Amino acid sequence: MAKFSVNDCPIIDLGKIQGERRGSITVVENDGTLPFDVKRVYYLYDVPGGSSRGAHAHRDLSQLIIAASGSFQVTLDDGRLKRTFFLNRPYQGLLVRQGIWRDLDDFSSGAVCMVLASDVYIKEDYIRDYQEFLEYRKGF
């Protein structure tokens, strides 16, 4: 398995097609836009102000996190470096590689966080304890 750092987690511009008066559209397909095929899509919404989400890492799963509406912050941690991203554009997504801890917070009112995942839900893929995560990272 490759060992990724927070510097391997870029913002990906998904592009947008803007109509004159009918709004805009952004398309993501399993065509090479992402470094993985999308196997699951889910979204977070109605997150109360001051609440945090995430607080975990994945052993094998990669994700693209998108602010479909509103805004929020994502802090990524590779066990040595931390990097915070402010997401607020529905045509951009943050690529989160496997083995990276993520925390989401500072949700604006009405924010919708959409996540495109490289695999279906697998409970064993999650690392939810930060100390366990640090031990996992040492194993690379």
Protein backbone atom coordinates (compact mmCIF):
# COMPACT_ATOMS: atom_id res chain seq x y z
CA MET A 1 0.00 0.00 0.00
CA ALA A 2 1.23 3.48 -0.84
CA LYS A 3 1.94 5.89 1.97
CA PHE A 4 0.29 9.22 1.21
CA SER A 5 0.82 12.55 2.95
CA VAL A 6 -1.49 15.54 3.22
CA ASN A 7 0.45 16.99 0.29
CA ASP A 8 -0.95 14.18 -1.89
CA CYS A 9 -4.50 15.44 -1.26
CA PRO A 10 -5.21 18.20 -3.79
CA ILE A 11 -8.28 20.24 -4.60
CA ILE A 12 -9.59 18.89 -7.91
CA ASP A 13 -11.41 21.27 -10.22
CA LEU A 14 -14.34 19.32 -11.65
CA GLY A 15 -15.28 22.03 -14.09
CA LYS A 16 -18.66 23.60 -14.60
CA ILE A 17 -20.90 24.29 -17.51
CA GLN A 18 -22.67 27.57 -16.98
CA GLY A 19 -25.94 28.27 -18.72
CA GLU A 20 -26.93 31.82 -19.55
CA ARG A 21 -30.03 31.86 -17.33
CA ARG A 22 -30.59 28.25 -16.35
CA GLY A 23 -27.84 27.72 -13.79
CA SER A 24 -24.71 25.61 -13.86
CA ILE A 25 -23.92 21.90 -13.93
CA THR A 26 -20.88 19.90 -12.87
CA VAL A 27 -20.44 16.32 -14.02
CA VAL A 28 -18.32 13.58 -12.41
CA GLU A 29 -18.10 10.26 -14.24
CA ASN A 30 -16.02 7.14 -13.83
CA ASP A 31 -13.89 8.25 -16.75
CA GLY A 32 -10.60 9.31 -15.27
CA THR A 33 -11.81 12.52 -13.61
CA LEU A 34 -10.83 10.91 -10.29
CA PRO A 35 -8.05 8.42 -9.52
CA PHE A 36 -10.74 5.89 -8.56
CA ASP A 37 -14.14 4.70 -9.72
CA VAL A 38 -17.00 5.90 -7.52
CA LYS A 39 -18.68 3.01 -5.68
CA ARG A 40 -20.65 5.00 -3.07
CA VAL A 41 -22.07 8.51 -2.72
CA TYR A 42 -23.35 10.00 0.51
CA TYR A 43 -23.93 13.48 1.87
CA LEU A 44 -24.03 15.25 5.21
CA TYR A 45 -26.55 18.01 5.89
CA ASP A 46 -28.33 19.74 8.77
CA VAL A 47 -25.03 19.69 10.68
CA PRO A 48 -25.58 21.93 13.75
CA GLY A 49 -23.32 24.96 14.09
CA GLY A 50 -20.19 24.19 16.09
CA SER A 51 -20.40 20.46 15.36
CA SER A 52 -17.61 18.39 13.87
CA ARG A 53 -17.81 15.36 11.59
CA GLY A 54 -15.28 12.90 10.31
CA ALA A 55 -12.63 12.23 12.97
CA HIS A 56 -11.42 9.06 11.29
CA ALA A 57 -9.15 7.65 8.60
CA HIS A 58 -9.55 4.81 6.13
CA ARG A 59 -7.08 2.02 5.52
CA ASP A 60 -7.98 1.51 1.85
CA LEU A 61 -10.74 3.94 0.86
CA SER A 62 -10.17 7.18 -1.04
CA GLN A 63 -12.75 9.96 -1.16
CA LEU A 64 -13.60 13.19 -2.92
CA ILE A 65 -15.25 15.66 -0.52
CA ILE A 66 -17.36 18.41 -2.12
CA ALA A 67 -19.21 21.37 -0.62
CA ALA A 68 -22.35 20.87 -2.72
CA SER A 69 -23.90 23.84 -0.91
CA GLY A 70 -22.58 26.27 1.67
CA SER A 71 -19.13 25.84 3.17
CA PHE A 72 -17.06 23.96 5.74
CA GLN A 73 -13.44 23.23 6.64
CA VAL A 74 -11.60 19.94 6.24
CA THR A 75 -8.42 19.36 8.23
CA LEU A 76 -6.25 16.52 6.97
CA ASP A 77 -3.57 14.86 9.11
CA ASP A 78 -0.96 12.30 8.04
CA GLY A 79 0.50 11.85 11.52
CA ARG A 80 3.24 14.42 10.94
CA LEU A 81 1.65 17.25 8.98
CA LYS A 82 -1.78 18.87 9.15
CA ARG A 83 -3.38 20.90 6.39
CA THR A 84 -6.73 22.71 6.46
CA PHE A 85 -8.90 23.35 3.40
CA PHE A 86 -11.92 25.65 3.14
CA LEU A 87 -14.46 24.15 0.74
CA ASN A 88 -17.17 26.40 -0.68
CA ARG A 89 -17.38 25.72 -4.43
CA PRO A 90 -19.61 22.90 -5.75
CA TYR A 91 -17.36 22.45 -8.80
CA GLN A 92 -14.30 21.61 -6.71
CA GLY A 93 -13.56 18.65 -4.49
CA LEU A 94 -10.85 17.68 -2.03
CA LEU A 95 -9.21 14.35 -2.82
CA VAL A 96 -8.55 12.49 0.44
CA ARG A 97 -6.23 9.53 -0.01
CA GLN A 98 -6.25 6.37 2.09
CA GLY A 99 -4.41 6.51 5.40
CA ILE A 100 -5.20 10.21 6.00
CA TRP A 101 -7.11 11.38 9.10
CA ARG A 102 -9.87 13.90 8.39
CA ASP A 103 -11.90 16.31 10.54
CA LEU A 104 -14.75 18.40 9.14
CA ASP A 105 -16.01 21.46 10.98
CA ASP A 106 -17.15 25.09 10.72
CA PHE A 107 -20.23 24.17 8.65
CA SER A 108 -22.20 27.15 7.38
CA SER A 109 -25.96 27.20 7.76
CA GLY A 110 -27.50 24.96 5.10
CA ALA A 111 -24.19 23.38 4.11
CA VAL A 112 -24.28 20.08 2.23
CA CYS A 113 -21.14 17.94 2.16
CA MET A 114 -21.21 15.36 -0.64
CA VAL A 115 -18.69 12.52 -0.56
CA LEU A 116 -17.75 10.28 -3.48
CA ALA A 117 -16.06 7.11 -2.21
CA SER A 118 -13.90 4.50 -3.90
CA ASP A 119 -15.67 1.58 -2.21
CA VAL A 120 -18.82 0.55 -0.40
CA TYR A 121 -19.06 0.85 3.39
CA ILE A 122 -16.70 -1.60 5.11
CA LYS A 123 -16.62 -1.20 8.89
CA GLU A 124 -13.12 -2.72 9.21
CA ASP A 125 -11.67 -0.07 6.88
CA TYR A 126 -12.29 2.70 9.44
CA ILE A 127 -9.75 3.88 12.02
CA ARG A 128 -11.73 5.91 14.56
CA ASP A 129 -9.19 6.17 17.38
CA TYR A 130 -6.48 8.79 16.81
CA GLN A 131 -3.79 6.90 18.76
CA GLU A 132 -4.53 3.78 16.71
CA PHE A 133 -4.20 5.93 13.59
CA LEU A 134 -0.75 7.16 14.68
CA GLU A 135 0.35 3.55 15.27
CA TYR A 136 -1.03 2.58 11.85
CA ARG A 137 0.96 5.37 10.19
CA LYS A 138 4.17 4.18 11.88
CA GLY A 139 3.71 0.84 10.12
CA PHE A 140 4.43 2.32 6.69
